[in-house]
């Protein structure tokens, strides 16, 4: 399961890079170096192992390979491992498939939002509609079909409401449309009862992360640059909060 997760993570890296650059996911079929554009051999793409052997550099042009690649692969590997040992014994293969799919889709959403400060609609809609379908089929161990459908709409509406309140006081939007749809996808899988915990955890981790980055810049001698206008991608923190919620709930 861990090795399978690493392989899925390798494909997720393709999604993250190509979607962030506006490229086709399937064309070209084989991976290539972002710097020299040369097509990589199969043995250049072995998850984790190739990165270590190549010492984090392209086999051809020696350009550095982002640490994001092994990080995404390891994240997907541990998600598969945790779901297999924790979710499957409790809820069977149906529950394992449902929760694994939910968490794996959150991975590219989080990293693309970090890269582009936007969340692809296709991935958010995939979460919403797959969450509804799996709940209707009885595969979702957390909520039933009615709760899933209601929570999908409620997740979008909740962030709309929060954004509207923020707009009243500030005169501008505080969140993007991608965040609304992502919350709808989270609701379709986890239900409306998770919203309070997820919003609180996501907000706190977002504030702490931004504070840590400001402190790090100050330590490096770049001054204390606190900016109330700074744009912070919220998708990664919603994804992380969803993972925390599942850890606590299970």
Foldseek 3Di string as FASTA:
>chain_A
DLQVLLVLLLLLVLVLVQVLVVHDSPPVPADADPPPRDGDDPCCRRAPVNCVVLVQADPPPRHGHDPVSNVSSNVSSVLLVCLVVPVCVPQNPLQSVLSSVLLNLLSSQQSNCVSRVAGDPVSLVCLLVVLLVSQDVVSQPADHNVQLNVQLQVQLVVQVVVQVVVCVVPVDGDGDSRNSSNRSSLCSRHGPVLVVQLVVQLVVVQVVVVVVVQVVCVVVPNDRDDDPPDDDRSSNSSSVSSVVVVVVVD
